[in-house]
């Protein structure tokens, strides 16, 4: 979200005001964070952490009472000029706290189940679960309808993605050959959904999703897009239509201004340290010892140093 907003800051004051208003009108606002998972700052002094929840069913299920397809911690260091996308495996085994409003009594399960068990407040239970796991409190959150991003990608004229290993879609049969090329909306969503038949399964899927998000950010900063007011307006409103946001009380204009130095090339993907395990007949991911260091780095705003010391967990996107 910050990257999408940041490109607006490069516009003239008049253009910025108009498009910010357009985006603000298009965005659905909601209280997404549990009180214990919410940062009490309400200010834009880094480091900042946002919880990004990916779903392709929001329109079909407006109560959002289903499992989250993707869960990402977006960490923005003190300079507010770069971002780390830290993907949480959706099959990560965690302790989900009890949530009386939905009747859920608590227990161990896959992390994405928290979104379902919270009922209409699925994002709140998920945020509480992630905070209990990591100790990280959030400065805002967003639910992204990834299906809606097909239109965003098409409005941008496609996104450029480098495929380093051939991928065959189990959904459409489409083959994504090795190489760098432009994907349209349907292709990019198809590519971002694949995990079967890949060497690292869901970890590769996480990286592909990070590639698509970065590709969208790169296209948003393309001079050809910025120079076309109608196309940019359509794209910004399409982005707004795919998102439900909680800005922690920060006005949208302030967000835009604060992220004015963000650039797509300064986005780094990180894989949460974990490994596969089979427990009581069910396949899970479980954390490895390196995870504690990552969580500490997120809390203390030093993810750059952690990434430099742990390159095996850094994704090439």
C-alpha atoms as a PDB file:
ATOM      1  CA  UNK A   1       0.000   0.000   0.000  1.00  0.00           C
ATOM      2  CA  UNK A   2       2.815   2.390   0.896  1.00  0.00           C
ATOM      3  CA  UNK A   3       4.481   1.877  -2.482  1.00  0.00           C
ATOM      4  CA  UNK A   4       1.233   2.539  -4.324  1.00  0.00           C
ATOM      5  CA  UNK A   5       0.730   5.719  -2.315  1.00  0.00           C
ATOM      6  CA  UNK A   6       4.327   6.833  -2.653  1.00  0.00           C
ATOM      7  CA  UNK A   7       4.145   7.298  -6.415  1.00  0.00           C
ATOM      8  CA  UNK A   8       1.443   9.909  -5.917  1.00  0.00           C
ATOM      9  CA  UNK A   9       3.913  12.072  -4.030  1.00  0.00           C
ATOM     10  CA  UNK A  10       5.844  12.677  -7.255  1.00  0.00           C
ATOM     11  CA  UNK A  11       2.886  14.488  -8.810  1.00  0.00           C
ATOM     12  CA  UNK A  12       2.081  18.171  -8.740  1.00  0.00           C
ATOM     13  CA  UNK A  13       0.233  19.393  -5.651  1.00  0.00           C
ATOM     14  CA  UNK A  14      -3.021  19.696  -7.561  1.00  0.00           C
ATOM     15  CA  UNK A  15      -2.710  16.267  -9.138  1.00  0.00           C
ATOM     16  CA  UNK A  16      -1.713  14.760  -5.821  1.00  0.00           C
ATOM     17  CA  UNK A  17      -4.740  16.208  -4.058  1.00  0.00           C
ATOM     18  CA  UNK A  18      -7.138  14.989  -6.745  1.00  0.00           C
ATOM     19  CA  UNK A  19      -5.795  11.445  -6.931  1.00  0.00           C
ATOM     20  CA  UNK A  20      -5.479  11.128  -3.159  1.00  0.00           C
ATOM     21  CA  UNK A  21      -9.146  12.082  -2.873  1.00  0.00           C
ATOM     22  CA  UNK A  22     -10.006   9.522  -5.559  1.00  0.00           C
ATOM     23  CA  UNK A  23      -8.094   6.809  -3.718  1.00  0.00           C
ATOM     24  CA  UNK A  24      -9.596   7.778  -0.374  1.00  0.00           C
ATOM     25  CA  UNK A  25     -13.097   7.548  -1.843  1.00  0.00           C
ATOM     26  CA  UNK A  26     -12.397   4.133  -3.374  1.00  0.00           C
ATOM     27  CA  UNK A  27     -10.812   2.556  -0.298  1.00  0.00           C
ATOM     28  CA  UNK A  28     -13.008   0.627   2.104  1.00  0.00           C
ATOM     29  CA  UNK A  29     -12.098   1.461   5.715  1.00  0.00           C
ATOM     30  CA  UNK A  30     -12.464  -0.938   8.634  1.00  0.00           C
ATOM     31  CA  UNK A  31     -11.099  -1.653  12.096  1.00  0.00           C
ATOM     32  CA  UNK A  32      -8.816  -4.560  11.180  1.00  0.00           C
ATOM     33  CA  UNK A  33      -6.370  -4.769  14.091  1.00  0.00           C
ATOM     34  CA  UNK A  34      -6.873  -6.293  17.507  1.00  0.00           C
ATOM     35  CA  UNK A  35      -6.247  -3.753  20.266  1.00  0.00           C
ATOM     36  CA  UNK A  36      -3.254  -5.721  21.550  1.00  0.00           C
ATOM     37  CA  UNK A  37      -1.808  -5.928  18.030  1.00  0.00           C
ATOM     38  CA  UNK A  38      -2.097  -2.215  17.328  1.00  0.00           C
ATOM     39  CA  UNK A  39       0.771   0.198  17.754  1.00  0.00           C
ATOM     40  CA  UNK A  40      -0.176   3.062  20.055  1.00  0.00           C
ATOM     41  CA  UNK A  41       1.915   5.589  18.135  1.00  0.00           C
ATOM     42  CA  UNK A  42      -0.516   6.830  15.506  1.00  0.00           C
ATOM     43  CA  UNK A  43       2.489   8.612  14.038  1.00  0.00           C
ATOM     44  CA  UNK A  44       4.625   8.131  10.948  1.00  0.00           C
ATOM     45  CA  UNK A  45       8.070   7.846  12.480  1.00  0.00           C
ATOM     46  CA  UNK A  46       9.798   4.658  11.372  1.00  0.00           C
ATOM     47  CA  UNK A  47      10.243   1.890  11.777  1.00  0.00           C
ATOM     48  CA  UNK A  48       6.667   1.112  10.761  1.00  0.00           C
ATOM     49  CA  UNK A  49       5.023  -2.266  10.389  1.00  0.00           C
ATOM     50  CA  UNK A  50       1.877  -3.067   8.421  1.00  0.00           C
ATOM     51  CA  UNK A  51      -0.048  -6.327   8.162  1.00  0.00           C
ATOM     52  CA  UNK A  52      -1.043  -7.220   4.598  1.00  0.00           C
ATOM     53  CA  UNK A  53      -3.637  -9.963   4.158  1.00  0.00           C
ATOM     54  CA  UNK A  54      -4.238 -11.376   0.696  1.00  0.00           C
ATOM     55  CA  UNK A  55      -7.580 -12.841  -0.301  1.00  0.00           C
ATOM     56  CA  UNK A  56      -9.323 -13.684  -3.553  1.00  0.00           C
ATOM     57  CA  UNK A  57     -12.800 -14.070  -2.038  1.00  0.00           C
ATOM     58  CA  UNK A  58     -13.659 -10.696  -0.553  1.00  0.00           C
ATOM     59  CA  UNK A  59     -16.460  -9.923  -3.013  1.00  0.00           C
ATOM     60  CA  UNK A  60     -18.029 -13.343  -2.573  1.00  0.00           C
ATOM     61  CA  UNK A  61     -17.742 -13.183   1.206  1.00  0.00           C
ATOM     62  CA  UNK A  62     -17.957  -9.619   2.511  1.00  0.00           C
ATOM     63  CA  UNK A  63     -17.716 -10.797   6.120  1.00  0.00           C
ATOM     64  CA  UNK A  64     -14.226 -12.098   5.287  1.00  0.00           C
ATOM     65  CA  UNK A  65     -14.845 -15.249   7.316  1.00  0.00           C
ATOM     66  CA  UNK A  66     -12.468 -17.507   5.398  1.00  0.00           C
ATOM     67  CA  UNK A  67      -8.799 -18.456   5.385  1.00  0.00           C
ATOM     68  CA  UNK A  68      -6.269 -15.885   4.237  1.00  0.00           C
ATOM     69  CA  UNK A  69      -4.415 -16.837   1.066  1.00  0.00           C
ATOM     70  CA  UNK A  70      -1.352 -14.692   1.866  1.00  0.00           C
ATOM     71  CA  UNK A  71      -0.028 -12.985   4.997  1.00  0.00           C
ATOM     72  CA  UNK A  72       2.781 -10.433   4.744  1.00  0.00           C
ATOM     73  CA  UNK A  73       4.447  -8.164   7.290  1.00  0.00           C
ATOM     74  CA  UNK A  74       5.501  -4.958   5.522  1.00  0.00           C
ATOM     75  CA  UNK A  75       8.417  -3.465   7.459  1.00  0.00           C
ATOM     76  CA  UNK A  76       9.436   0.118   6.644  1.00  0.00           C
ATOM     77  CA  UNK A  77      12.678   1.273   8.331  1.00  0.00           C
ATOM     78  CA  UNK A  78      13.227   4.671   9.926  1.00  0.00           C
ATOM     79  CA  UNK A  79      14.133   6.455   6.682  1.00  0.00           C
ATOM     80  CA  UNK A  80      10.733   5.525   5.162  1.00  0.00           C
ATOM     81  CA  UNK A  81      12.482   5.023   1.814  1.00  0.00           C
ATOM     82  CA  UNK A  82      12.529   1.231   1.547  1.00  0.00           C
ATOM     83  CA  UNK A  83      10.380  -1.749   2.455  1.00  0.00           C
ATOM     84  CA  UNK A  84      10.785  -5.396   3.415  1.00  0.00           C
ATOM     85  CA  UNK A  85       8.025  -7.837   2.460  1.00  0.00           C
ATOM     86  CA  UNK A  86       8.165 -10.635   5.032  1.00  0.00           C
ATOM     87  CA  UNK A  87       5.896 -13.498   3.999  1.00  0.00           C
ATOM     88  CA  UNK A  88       4.394 -15.719   6.673  1.00  0.00           C
ATOM     89  CA  UNK A  89       3.773 -19.296   5.445  1.00  0.00           C
ATOM     90  CA  UNK A  90       0.035 -19.849   5.507  1.00  0.00           C
ATOM     91  CA  UNK A  91       0.615 -23.383   6.843  1.00  0.00           C
ATOM     92  CA  UNK A  92       2.750 -22.141   9.758  1.00  0.00           C
ATOM     93  CA  UNK A  93       1.772 -23.971  12.973  1.00  0.00           C
ATOM     94  CA  UNK A  94       0.909 -21.396  15.635  1.00  0.00           C
ATOM     95  CA  UNK A  95      -1.142 -20.945  18.754  1.00  0.00           C
ATOM     96  CA  UNK A  96      -4.320 -19.015  17.915  1.00  0.00           C
ATOM     97  CA  UNK A  97      -5.764 -17.224  20.957  1.00  0.00           C
ATOM     98  CA  UNK A  98      -9.379 -17.626  22.003  1.00  0.00           C
ATOM     99  CA  UNK A  99     -11.777 -15.126  20.456  1.00  0.00           C
ATOM    100  CA  UNK A 100     -15.070 -14.917  22.404  1.00  0.00           C
ATOM    101  CA  UNK A 101     -16.932 -12.721  19.849  1.00  0.00           C
ATOM    102  CA  UNK A 102     -16.828 -15.577  17.325  1.00  0.00           C
ATOM    103  CA  UNK A 103     -16.995 -18.379  19.876  1.00  0.00           C
ATOM    104  CA  UNK A 104     -13.531 -19.701  19.018  1.00  0.00           C
ATOM    105  CA  UNK A 105     -11.917 -21.291  22.078  1.00  0.00           C
ATOM    106  CA  UNK A 106      -8.292 -21.103  20.930  1.00  0.00           C
ATOM    107  CA  UNK A 107      -5.775 -23.784  20.017  1.00  0.00           C
ATOM    108  CA  UNK A 108      -2.962 -24.761  17.673  1.00  0.00           C
ATOM    109  CA  UNK A 109      -3.587 -24.636  13.940  1.00  0.00           C
ATOM    110  CA  UNK A 110      -2.272 -23.183  10.701  1.00  0.00           C
ATOM    111  CA  UNK A 111      -1.873 -19.415  10.937  1.00  0.00           C
ATOM    112  CA  UNK A 112      -4.271 -18.655   8.105  1.00  0.00           C
ATOM    113  CA  UNK A 113      -7.060 -20.459   9.987  1.00  0.00           C
ATOM    114  CA  UNK A 114      -7.202 -17.489  12.379  1.00  0.00           C
ATOM    115  CA  UNK A 115      -8.810 -15.455   9.609  1.00  0.00           C
ATOM    116  CA  UNK A 116     -11.626 -17.978   9.444  1.00  0.00           C
ATOM    117  CA  UNK A 117     -12.036 -18.578  13.180  1.00  0.00           C
ATOM    118  CA  UNK A 118     -12.442 -14.849  13.836  1.00  0.00           C
ATOM    119  CA  UNK A 119     -15.644 -14.777  11.794  1.00  0.00           C
ATOM    120  CA  UNK A 120     -16.529 -11.252  10.692  1.00  0.00           C
ATOM    121  CA  UNK A 121     -13.481 -10.032  12.673  1.00  0.00           C
ATOM    122  CA  UNK A 122     -11.086 -12.473  11.039  1.00  0.00           C
ATOM    123  CA  UNK A 123      -8.405  -9.827  10.511  1.00  0.00           C
ATOM    124  CA  UNK A 124      -8.442  -8.956  14.222  1.00  0.00           C
ATOM    125  CA  UNK A 125      -7.873 -12.539  15.330  1.00  0.00           C
ATOM    126  CA  UNK A 126      -5.191 -12.986  12.677  1.00  0.00           C
ATOM    127  CA  UNK A 127      -3.395  -9.815  13.813  1.00  0.00           C
ATOM    128  CA  UNK A 128      -3.531 -10.957  17.446  1.00  0.00           C
ATOM    129  CA  UNK A 129      -2.098 -14.325  16.388  1.00  0.00           C
ATOM    130  CA  UNK A 130       0.771 -12.743  14.457  1.00  0.00           C
ATOM    131  CA  UNK A 131       1.557 -10.329  17.306  1.00  0.00           C
ATOM    132  CA  UNK A 132       1.616 -13.193  19.819  1.00  0.00           C
ATOM    133  CA  UNK A 133       3.985 -15.061  17.502  1.00  0.00           C
ATOM    134  CA  UNK A 134       6.381 -12.232  16.670  1.00  0.00           C
ATOM    135  CA  UNK A 135       5.955  -9.563  19.337  1.00  0.00           C
ATOM    136  CA  UNK A 136       5.395  -7.055  16.516  1.00  0.00           C
ATOM    137  CA  UNK A 137       2.630  -4.462  16.853  1.00  0.00           C
ATOM    138  CA  UNK A 138       1.199  -2.910  13.714  1.00  0.00           C
ATOM    139  CA  UNK A 139       0.791   0.661  12.495  1.00  0.00           C
ATOM    140  CA  UNK A 140      -1.959  -0.321  10.092  1.00  0.00           C
ATOM    141  CA  UNK A 141      -3.333  -3.184   8.045  1.00  0.00           C
ATOM    142  CA  UNK A 142      -4.897  -3.933   4.692  1.00  0.00           C
ATOM    143  CA  UNK A 143      -6.872  -6.746   3.139  1.00  0.00           C
ATOM    144  CA  UNK A 144      -6.089  -7.044  -0.560  1.00  0.00           C
ATOM    145  CA  UNK A 145      -8.376  -8.743  -3.045  1.00  0.00           C
ATOM    146  CA  UNK A 146      -5.757 -10.291  -5.335  1.00  0.00           C
ATOM    147  CA  UNK A 147      -8.393 -11.198  -7.918  1.00  0.00           C
ATOM    148  CA  UNK A 148      -9.124  -7.482  -8.246  1.00  0.00           C
ATOM    149  CA  UNK A 149      -5.483  -6.865  -9.039  1.00  0.00           C
ATOM    150  CA  UNK A 150      -6.027  -8.451 -12.466  1.00  0.00           C
ATOM    151  CA  UNK A 151      -7.678  -5.207 -13.541  1.00  0.00           C
ATOM    152  CA  UNK A 152      -4.888  -3.143 -11.969  1.00  0.00           C
ATOM    153  CA  UNK A 153      -2.234  -5.082 -13.869  1.00  0.00           C
ATOM    154  CA  UNK A 154      -4.152  -4.787 -17.144  1.00  0.00           C
ATOM    155  CA  UNK A 155      -4.597  -1.028 -16.687  1.00  0.00           C
ATOM    156  CA  UNK A 156      -0.834  -0.789 -16.206  1.00  0.00           C
ATOM    157  CA  UNK A 157      -0.226  -2.655 -19.459  1.00  0.00           C
ATOM    158  CA  UNK A 158       1.043  -5.754 -17.652  1.00  0.00           C
ATOM    159  CA  UNK A 159       3.920  -6.261 -15.224  1.00  0.00           C
ATOM    160  CA  UNK A 160       7.464  -7.368 -15.945  1.00  0.00           C
ATOM    161  CA  UNK A 161       8.473 -10.591 -14.195  1.00  0.00           C
ATOM    162  CA  UNK A 162      11.633 -12.689 -14.408  1.00  0.00           C
ATOM    163  CA  UNK A 163      10.891 -16.428 -14.202  1.00  0.00           C
ATOM    164  CA  UNK A 164      13.971 -18.392 -13.122  1.00  0.00           C
ATOM    165  CA  UNK A 165      12.388 -21.845 -13.305  1.00  0.00           C
ATOM    166  CA  UNK A 166       9.660 -23.029 -15.677  1.00  0.00           C
ATOM    167  CA  UNK A 167       6.241 -23.107 -14.025  1.00  0.00           C
ATOM    168  CA  UNK A 168       3.193 -24.994 -15.319  1.00  0.00           C
ATOM    169  CA  UNK A 169      -0.150 -23.826 -13.928  1.00  0.00           C
ATOM    170  CA  UNK A 170      -2.258 -26.530 -12.315  1.00  0.00           C
ATOM    171  CA  UNK A 171      -5.275 -24.234 -12.791  1.00  0.00           C
ATOM    172  CA  UNK A 172      -5.032 -23.287 -16.468  1.00  0.00           C
ATOM    173  CA  UNK A 173      -2.260 -25.459 -17.904  1.00  0.00           C
ATOM    174  CA  UNK A 174      -0.398 -22.319 -18.975  1.00  0.00           C
ATOM    175  CA  UNK A 175       3.388 -22.726 -19.127  1.00  0.00           C
ATOM    176  CA  UNK A 176       5.558 -19.886 -17.804  1.00  0.00           C
ATOM    177  CA  UNK A 177       8.952 -20.396 -19.478  1.00  0.00           C
ATOM    178  CA  UNK A 178      12.256 -19.207 -18.058  1.00  0.00           C
ATOM    179  CA  UNK A 179      12.988 -15.590 -18.951  1.00  0.00           C
ATOM    180  CA  UNK A 180      11.942 -12.006 -18.286  1.00  0.00           C
ATOM    181  CA  UNK A 181       8.738 -10.845 -19.968  1.00  0.00           C
ATOM    182  CA  UNK A 182       5.442  -9.035 -19.443  1.00  0.00           C
ATOM    183  CA  UNK A 183       2.471 -10.804 -17.846  1.00  0.00           C
ATOM    184  CA  UNK A 184      -1.108  -9.541 -18.124  1.00  0.00           C
ATOM    185  CA  UNK A 185      -3.541  -9.546 -15.210  1.00  0.00           C
ATOM    186  CA  UNK A 186      -4.802 -13.111 -15.592  1.00  0.00           C
ATOM    187  CA  UNK A 187      -1.298 -14.491 -16.132  1.00  0.00           C
ATOM    188  CA  UNK A 188       0.213 -12.653 -13.171  1.00  0.00           C
ATOM    189  CA  UNK A 189      -2.518 -13.892 -10.814  1.00  0.00           C
ATOM    190  CA  UNK A 190      -2.168 -17.435 -12.165  1.00  0.00           C
ATOM    191  CA  UNK A 191       1.617 -17.302 -11.686  1.00  0.00           C
ATOM    192  CA  UNK A 192       1.286 -15.920  -8.148  1.00  0.00           C
ATOM    193  CA  UNK A 193      -1.037 -18.767  -7.132  1.00  0.00           C
ATOM    194  CA  UNK A 194       1.180 -21.701  -8.099  1.00  0.00           C
ATOM    195  CA  UNK A 195       2.900 -23.820  -5.468  1.00  0.00           C
ATOM    196  CA  UNK A 196       2.510 -27.437  -6.590  1.00  0.00           C
ATOM    197  CA  UNK A 197       5.354 -28.867  -8.635  1.00  0.00           C
ATOM    198  CA  UNK A 198       7.763 -26.165  -7.444  1.00  0.00           C
ATOM    199  CA  UNK A 199      10.973 -27.129  -5.591  1.00  0.00           C
ATOM    200  CA  UNK A 200      10.097 -25.139  -2.460  1.00  0.00           C
ATOM    201  CA  UNK A 201       6.312 -25.312  -2.750  1.00  0.00           C
ATOM    202  CA  UNK A 202       4.595 -22.501  -0.879  1.00  0.00           C
ATOM    203  CA  UNK A 203       7.905 -20.685  -0.326  1.00  0.00           C
ATOM    204  CA  UNK A 204       8.230 -20.279  -4.107  1.00  0.00           C
ATOM    205  CA  UNK A 205       4.627 -19.095  -4.267  1.00  0.00           C
ATOM    206  CA  UNK A 206       5.399 -16.434  -1.647  1.00  0.00           C
ATOM    207  CA  UNK A 207       8.354 -15.223  -3.705  1.00  0.00           C
ATOM    208  CA  UNK A 208       6.253 -15.088  -6.863  1.00  0.00           C
ATOM    209  CA  UNK A 209       3.648 -12.972  -5.057  1.00  0.00           C
ATOM    210  CA  UNK A 210       6.409 -10.631  -3.912  1.00  0.00           C
ATOM    211  CA  UNK A 211       7.596 -10.397  -7.538  1.00  0.00           C
ATOM    212  CA  UNK A 212       4.112  -9.401  -8.736  1.00  0.00           C
ATOM    213  CA  UNK A 213       3.707  -6.761  -5.995  1.00  0.00           C
ATOM    214  CA  UNK A 214       7.106  -5.297  -6.855  1.00  0.00           C
ATOM    215  CA  UNK A 215       6.253  -5.416 -10.578  1.00  0.00           C
ATOM    216  CA  UNK A 216       3.081  -3.405  -9.923  1.00  0.00           C
ATOM    217  CA  UNK A 217       5.092  -0.847  -7.959  1.00  0.00           C
ATOM    218  CA  UNK A 218       7.632  -0.554 -10.775  1.00  0.00           C
ATOM    219  CA  UNK A 219       4.912   0.019 -13.360  1.00  0.00           C
ATOM    220  CA  UNK A 220       3.257   2.647 -11.162  1.00  0.00           C
ATOM    221  CA  UNK A 221       6.459   4.686 -11.333  1.00  0.00           C
ATOM    222  CA  UNK A 222       6.739   4.340 -15.126  1.00  0.00           C
ATOM    223  CA  UNK A 223       6.791   7.837 -16.702  1.00  0.00           C
ATOM    224  CA  UNK A 224       4.325   6.632 -19.335  1.00  0.00           C
ATOM    225  CA  UNK A 225       1.795   5.846 -16.612  1.00  0.00           C
ATOM    226  CA  UNK A 226       2.461   9.017 -14.609  1.00  0.00           C
ATOM    227  CA  UNK A 227       2.108  11.156 -17.741  1.00  0.00           C
ATOM    228  CA  UNK A 228      -1.356   9.796 -18.574  1.00  0.00           C
ATOM    229  CA  UNK A 229      -3.831  11.366 -16.104  1.00  0.00           C
ATOM    230  CA  UNK A 230      -6.817   9.259 -17.198  1.00  0.00           C
ATOM    231  CA  UNK A 231      -4.916   5.990 -17.035  1.00  0.00           C
ATOM    232  CA  UNK A 232      -3.354   6.882 -13.685  1.00  0.00           C
ATOM    233  CA  UNK A 233      -6.740   7.892 -12.260  1.00  0.00           C
ATOM    234  CA  UNK A 234      -8.302   4.606 -13.401  1.00  0.00           C
ATOM    235  CA  UNK A 235      -5.417   2.632 -11.925  1.00  0.00           C
ATOM    236  CA  UNK A 236      -5.475   4.421  -8.565  1.00  0.00           C
ATOM    237  CA  UNK A 237      -9.218   3.910  -8.238  1.00  0.00           C
ATOM    238  CA  UNK A 238      -8.848   0.244  -9.227  1.00  0.00           C
ATOM    239  CA  UNK A 239      -6.212  -0.198  -6.507  1.00  0.00           C
ATOM    240  CA  UNK A 240      -8.539   1.439  -4.005  1.00  0.00           C
ATOM    241  CA  UNK A 241     -11.339  -0.895  -5.025  1.00  0.00           C
ATOM    242  CA  UNK A 242      -9.243  -3.963  -4.194  1.00  0.00           C
ATOM    243  CA  UNK A 243      -8.368  -2.932  -0.642  1.00  0.00           C
ATOM    244  CA  UNK A 244      -9.897  -2.643   2.815  1.00  0.00           C
ATOM    245  CA  UNK A 245      -7.597  -0.588   5.034  1.00  0.00           C
ATOM    246  CA  UNK A 246      -6.935   0.398   8.622  1.00  0.00           C
ATOM    247  CA  UNK A 247      -4.535   3.368   8.730  1.00  0.00           C
ATOM    248  CA  UNK A 248      -4.414   3.524  12.531  1.00  0.00           C
ATOM    249  CA  UNK A 249      -6.043   6.951  12.402  1.00  0.00           C
ATOM    250  CA  UNK A 250      -3.441   8.494  10.077  1.00  0.00           C
ATOM    251  CA  UNK A 251      -4.958  10.635   7.280  1.00  0.00           C
ATOM    252  CA  UNK A 252      -4.260   9.380   3.755  1.00  0.00           C
ATOM    253  CA  UNK A 253      -2.579  12.656   2.765  1.00  0.00           C
ATOM    254  CA  UNK A 254      -0.060  12.194   5.568  1.00  0.00           C
ATOM    255  CA  UNK A 255       0.688   8.659   4.414  1.00  0.00           C
ATOM    256  CA  UNK A 256       1.325   9.864   0.873  1.00  0.00           C
ATOM    257  CA  UNK A 257       3.689  12.597   2.009  1.00  0.00           C
ATOM    258  CA  UNK A 258       5.592  10.351   4.427  1.00  0.00           C
ATOM    259  CA  UNK A 259       6.270   7.692   1.794  1.00  0.00           C
ATOM    260  CA  UNK A 260       7.340  10.181  -0.892  1.00  0.00           C
ATOM    261  CA  UNK A 261      10.874   8.728  -1.082  1.00  0.00           C
ATOM    262  CA  UNK A 262       9.785   5.097  -1.468  1.00  0.00           C
ATOM    263  CA  UNK A 263      10.965   3.438  -4.690  1.00  0.00           C
ATOM    264  CA  UNK A 264      10.170   0.004  -6.089  1.00  0.00           C
ATOM    265  CA  UNK A 265      13.854  -0.891  -6.434  1.00  0.00           C
ATOM    266  CA  UNK A 266      14.168  -0.530  -2.659  1.00  0.00           C
ATOM    267  CA  UNK A 267      11.732  -3.381  -1.970  1.00  0.00           C
ATOM    268  CA  UNK A 268      13.224  -6.609  -0.573  1.00  0.00           C
ATOM    269  CA  UNK A 269      11.437  -9.935  -0.157  1.00  0.00           C
ATOM    270  CA  UNK A 270      12.140 -12.077   2.905  1.00  0.00           C
ATOM    271  CA  UNK A 271      11.096 -15.643   3.623  1.00  0.00           C
ATOM    272  CA  UNK A 272      10.215 -16.298   7.258  1.00  0.00           C
ATOM    273  CA  UNK A 273      12.686 -18.875   8.626  1.00  0.00           C
ATOM    274  CA  UNK A 274      10.743 -22.125   8.764  1.00  0.00           C
ATOM    275  CA  UNK A 275      10.690 -25.651   7.437  1.00  0.00           C
ATOM    276  CA  UNK A 276       8.144 -28.306   6.570  1.00  0.00           C
ATOM    277  CA  UNK A 277       6.973 -30.814   9.163  1.00  0.00           C
ATOM    278  CA  UNK A 278       4.281 -33.461   9.473  1.00  0.00           C
ATOM    279  CA  UNK A 279       2.478 -33.447  12.819  1.00  0.00           C
ATOM    280  CA  UNK A 280      -0.339 -35.873  13.640  1.00  0.00           C
ATOM    281  CA  UNK A 281      -0.806 -36.612   9.955  1.00  0.00           C
ATOM    282  CA  UNK A 282      -1.061 -32.947   8.900  1.00  0.00           C
ATOM    283  CA  UNK A 283       1.524 -30.990   6.898  1.00  0.00           C
ATOM    284  CA  UNK A 284       2.702 -27.789   8.554  1.00  0.00           C
ATOM    285  CA  UNK A 285       5.517 -25.278   8.467  1.00  0.00           C
ATOM    286  CA  UNK A 286       7.352 -24.749  11.759  1.00  0.00           C
ATOM    287  CA  UNK A 287       9.737 -21.957  12.699  1.00  0.00           C
ATOM    288  CA  UNK A 288      13.494 -22.483  12.735  1.00  0.00           C
ATOM    289  CA  UNK A 289      15.853 -20.809  15.261  1.00  0.00           C
ATOM    290  CA  UNK A 290      16.674 -17.982  12.811  1.00  0.00           C
ATOM    291  CA  UNK A 291      13.097 -16.697  13.203  1.00  0.00           C
ATOM    292  CA  UNK A 292      13.733 -15.245  16.661  1.00  0.00           C
ATOM    293  CA  UNK A 293      16.441 -12.992  15.256  1.00  0.00           C
ATOM    294  CA  UNK A 294      14.146 -11.818  12.470  1.00  0.00           C
ATOM    295  CA  UNK A 295      11.330 -10.986  14.883  1.00  0.00           C
ATOM    296  CA  UNK A 296      13.750  -9.027  17.066  1.00  0.00           C
ATOM    297  CA  UNK A 297      15.041  -7.152  14.005  1.00  0.00           C
ATOM    298  CA  UNK A 298      11.499  -6.222  12.945  1.00  0.00           C
ATOM    299  CA  UNK A 299      10.662  -4.944  16.424  1.00  0.00           C
ATOM    300  CA  UNK A 300      13.892  -2.944  16.677  1.00  0.00           C
ATOM    301  CA  UNK A 301      13.912  -1.625  13.106  1.00  0.00           C
ATOM    302  CA  UNK A 302      17.087  -3.403  11.998  1.00  0.00           C
ATOM    303  CA  UNK A 303      15.876  -5.812   9.317  1.00  0.00           C
ATOM    304  CA  UNK A 304      18.618  -4.649   6.919  1.00  0.00           C
ATOM    305  CA  UNK A 305      21.358  -5.944   9.212  1.00  0.00           C
ATOM    306  CA  UNK A 306      19.504  -9.213   9.792  1.00  0.00           C
ATOM    307  CA  UNK A 307      19.024  -9.731   6.042  1.00  0.00           C
ATOM    308  CA  UNK A 308      22.725  -9.050   5.382  1.00  0.00           C
ATOM    309  CA  UNK A 309      23.663 -11.648   8.008  1.00  0.00           C
ATOM    310  CA  UNK A 310      21.065 -14.196   6.798  1.00  0.00           C
ATOM    311  CA  UNK A 311      21.085 -14.073   2.975  1.00  0.00           C
ATOM    312  CA  UNK A 312      19.577 -17.551   2.592  1.00  0.00           C
ATOM    313  CA  UNK A 313      16.226 -16.160   3.746  1.00  0.00           C
ATOM    314  CA  UNK A 314      16.274 -13.192   1.311  1.00  0.00           C
ATOM    315  CA  UNK A 315      14.238 -13.672  -1.880  1.00  0.00           C
ATOM    316  CA  UNK A 316      15.499 -12.550  -5.272  1.00  0.00           C
ATOM    317  CA  UNK A 317      12.577 -10.473  -6.556  1.00  0.00           C
END
